[in-house]
Amino acid sequence: PHDRLIAATLDDLRSARKRFLAVCGVDRCDATHAALNAGLVTHLCVDHALARALLDC
């Protein structure tokens, strides 16, 4: 199952100029919030419900 896995290290992510994150669902609020706080995201696309949940974090 891992023969198609492509993974980047945290250092790889941090060194990229643009880091896009597309997320849907309030169940992903904690993980999305953590990624934002860690500085791993420069561009974010979320659904309305998750956007509201992130504002309330």
N, C-alpha and C. Protein backbone atom coordinates (compact mmCIF):
# COMPACT_ATOMS: atom_id res chain seq x y z
N PRO A 1 0.81 -1.22 0.00
CA PRO A 1 0.00 0.00 0.00
C PRO A 1 0.84 1.27 0.00
N HIS A 2 2.09 1.19 0.42
CA HIS A 2 2.94 2.38 0.50
C HIS A 2 3.75 2.61 -0.76
N ASP A 3 3.56 1.78 -1.78
CA ASP A 3 4.35 1.95 -3.00
C ASP A 3 3.94 3.18 -3.79
N ARG A 4 2.81 3.77 -3.45
CA ARG A 4 2.36 4.99 -4.14
C ARG A 4 2.39 6.21 -3.24
N LEU A 5 2.97 6.07 -2.10
CA LEU A 5 3.02 7.16 -1.12
C LEU A 5 4.11 8.16 -1.48
N ILE A 6 3.75 9.42 -1.50
CA ILE A 6 4.71 10.50 -1.68
C ILE A 6 4.62 11.36 -0.43
N ALA A 7 5.73 11.52 0.25
CA ALA A 7 5.71 12.26 1.50
C ALA A 7 6.82 13.30 1.52
N ALA A 8 6.54 14.40 2.18
CA ALA A 8 7.52 15.47 2.36
C ALA A 8 7.83 15.59 3.84
N THR A 9 9.05 15.91 4.14
CA THR A 9 9.42 16.14 5.54
C THR A 9 8.93 17.53 5.96
N LEU A 10 8.90 17.78 7.25
CA LEU A 10 8.50 19.10 7.73
C LEU A 10 9.45 20.18 7.22
N ASP A 11 10.72 19.86 7.13
CA ASP A 11 11.68 20.83 6.59
C ASP A 11 11.39 21.13 5.12
N ASP A 12 11.01 20.10 4.36
CA ASP A 12 10.62 20.31 2.96
C ASP A 12 9.42 21.25 2.87
N LEU A 13 8.44 21.02 3.74
CA LEU A 13 7.24 21.86 3.73
C LEU A 13 7.58 23.31 4.08
N ARG A 14 8.38 23.48 5.10
CA ARG A 14 8.72 24.83 5.54
C ARG A 14 9.53 25.60 4.51
N SER A 15 10.31 24.89 3.71
CA SER A 15 11.15 25.57 2.72
C SER A 15 10.41 25.92 1.44
N ALA A 16 9.21 25.38 1.25
CA ALA A 16 8.43 25.70 0.05
C ALA A 16 7.85 27.11 0.19
N ARG A 17 7.89 27.89 -0.89
CA ARG A 17 7.37 29.26 -0.84
C ARG A 17 5.86 29.28 -0.68
N LYS A 18 5.16 28.41 -1.38
CA LYS A 18 3.70 28.35 -1.30
C LYS A 18 3.30 26.98 -0.79
N ARG A 19 2.48 26.98 0.26
CA ARG A 19 2.01 25.74 0.86
C ARG A 19 0.49 25.79 0.96
N PHE A 20 -0.18 25.05 0.09
CA PHE A 20 -1.63 25.05 0.01
C PHE A 20 -2.21 23.95 0.89
N LEU A 21 -3.31 24.27 1.56
CA LEU A 21 -4.03 23.28 2.34
C LEU A 21 -5.51 23.42 2.00
N ALA A 22 -6.11 22.35 1.53
CA ALA A 22 -7.55 22.31 1.25
C ALA A 22 -8.17 21.30 2.20
N VAL A 23 -9.14 21.75 2.99
CA VAL A 23 -9.72 20.91 4.03
C VAL A 23 -11.23 21.09 4.05
N CYS A 24 -11.94 20.01 4.33
CA CYS A 24 -13.40 20.06 4.43
C CYS A 24 -13.83 19.27 5.66
N GLY A 25 -14.66 19.88 6.47
CA GLY A 25 -15.23 19.18 7.62
C GLY A 25 -14.70 19.68 8.96
N VAL A 26 -15.63 19.94 9.88
CA VAL A 26 -15.24 20.46 11.19
C VAL A 26 -14.47 19.44 12.01
N ASP A 27 -14.55 18.17 11.65
CA ASP A 27 -13.80 17.15 12.37
C ASP A 27 -12.29 17.30 12.15
N ARG A 28 -11.90 18.11 11.19
CA ARG A 28 -10.49 18.35 10.91
C ARG A 28 -10.01 19.70 11.47
N CYS A 29 -10.81 20.29 12.33
CA CYS A 29 -10.50 21.62 12.87
C CYS A 29 -9.20 21.63 13.66
N ASP A 30 -9.03 20.68 14.56
CA ASP A 30 -7.83 20.67 15.40
C ASP A 30 -6.56 20.51 14.56
N ALA A 31 -6.58 19.60 13.60
CA ALA A 31 -5.40 19.37 12.76
C ALA A 31 -5.12 20.59 11.88
N THR A 32 -6.17 21.21 11.35
CA THR A 32 -6.00 22.40 10.52
C THR A 32 -5.44 23.55 11.35
N HIS A 33 -5.99 23.73 12.54
CA HIS A 33 -5.52 24.78 13.45
C HIS A 33 -4.05 24.56 13.80
N ALA A 34 -3.66 23.32 14.04
CA ALA A 34 -2.27 23.01 14.37
C ALA A 34 -1.34 23.32 13.20
N ALA A 35 -1.76 22.98 11.99
CA ALA A 35 -0.94 23.26 10.80
C ALA A 35 -0.78 24.76 10.60
N LEU A 36 -1.84 25.51 10.82
CA LEU A 36 -1.77 26.97 10.70
C LEU A 36 -0.83 27.56 11.75
N ASN A 37 -0.97 27.11 12.99
CA ASN A 37 -0.12 27.62 14.08
C ASN A 37 1.34 27.25 13.90
N ALA A 38 1.59 26.13 13.24
CA ALA A 38 2.97 25.68 13.02
C ALA A 38 3.62 26.40 11.84
N GLY A 39 2.85 27.22 11.13
CA GLY A 39 3.39 27.94 9.99
C GLY A 39 3.59 27.09 8.76
N LEU A 40 2.84 26.00 8.66
CA LEU A 40 2.99 25.08 7.54
C LEU A 40 2.13 25.45 6.34
N VAL A 41 1.28 26.47 6.49
CA VAL A 41 0.31 26.80 5.44
C VAL A 41 0.44 28.27 5.05
N THR A 42 0.47 28.54 3.75
CA THR A 42 0.44 29.92 3.27
C THR A 42 -0.88 30.24 2.58
N HIS A 43 -1.56 29.22 2.07
CA HIS A 43 -2.84 29.40 1.38
C HIS A 43 -3.81 28.34 1.89
N LEU A 44 -5.00 28.79 2.26
CA LEU A 44 -5.97 27.89 2.89
C LEU A 44 -7.30 27.93 2.15
N CYS A 45 -7.88 26.77 1.92
CA CYS A 45 -9.21 26.65 1.33
C CYS A 45 -10.02 25.70 2.20
N VAL A 46 -11.10 26.21 2.80
CA VAL A 46 -11.93 25.39 3.69
C VAL A 46 -13.40 25.62 3.38
N ASP A 47 -14.24 24.71 3.86
CA ASP A 47 -15.67 24.90 3.70
C ASP A 47 -16.17 25.87 4.78
N HIS A 48 -17.41 26.31 4.63
CA HIS A 48 -17.98 27.32 5.52
C HIS A 48 -18.00 26.86 6.98
N ALA A 49 -18.39 25.62 7.21
CA ALA A 49 -18.48 25.12 8.58
C ALA A 49 -17.11 25.08 9.25
N LEU A 50 -16.10 24.66 8.53
CA LEU A 50 -14.76 24.62 9.10
C LEU A 50 -14.22 26.03 9.32
N ALA A 51 -14.53 26.94 8.42
CA ALA A 51 -14.10 28.33 8.60
C ALA A 51 -14.66 28.89 9.89
N ARG A 52 -15.94 28.64 10.15
CA ARG A 52 -16.57 29.11 11.40
C ARG A 52 -15.90 28.47 12.61
N ALA A 53 -15.65 27.16 12.52
CA ALA A 53 -15.03 26.45 13.64
C ALA A 53 -13.62 26.99 13.91
N LEU A 54 -12.87 27.30 12.86
CA LEU A 54 -11.53 27.84 13.04
C LEU A 54 -11.56 29.22 13.70
N LEU A 55 -12.57 30.01 13.39
CA LEU A 55 -12.71 31.33 14.01
C LEU A 55 -12.99 31.21 15.51
N ASP A 56 -13.64 30.12 15.91
CA ASP A 56 -14.00 29.91 17.31
C ASP A 56 -12.90 29.22 18.11
N CYS A 57 -11.84 28.78 17.48
CA CYS A 57 -10.74 28.06 18.19
C CYS A 57 -10.00 29.01 19.10
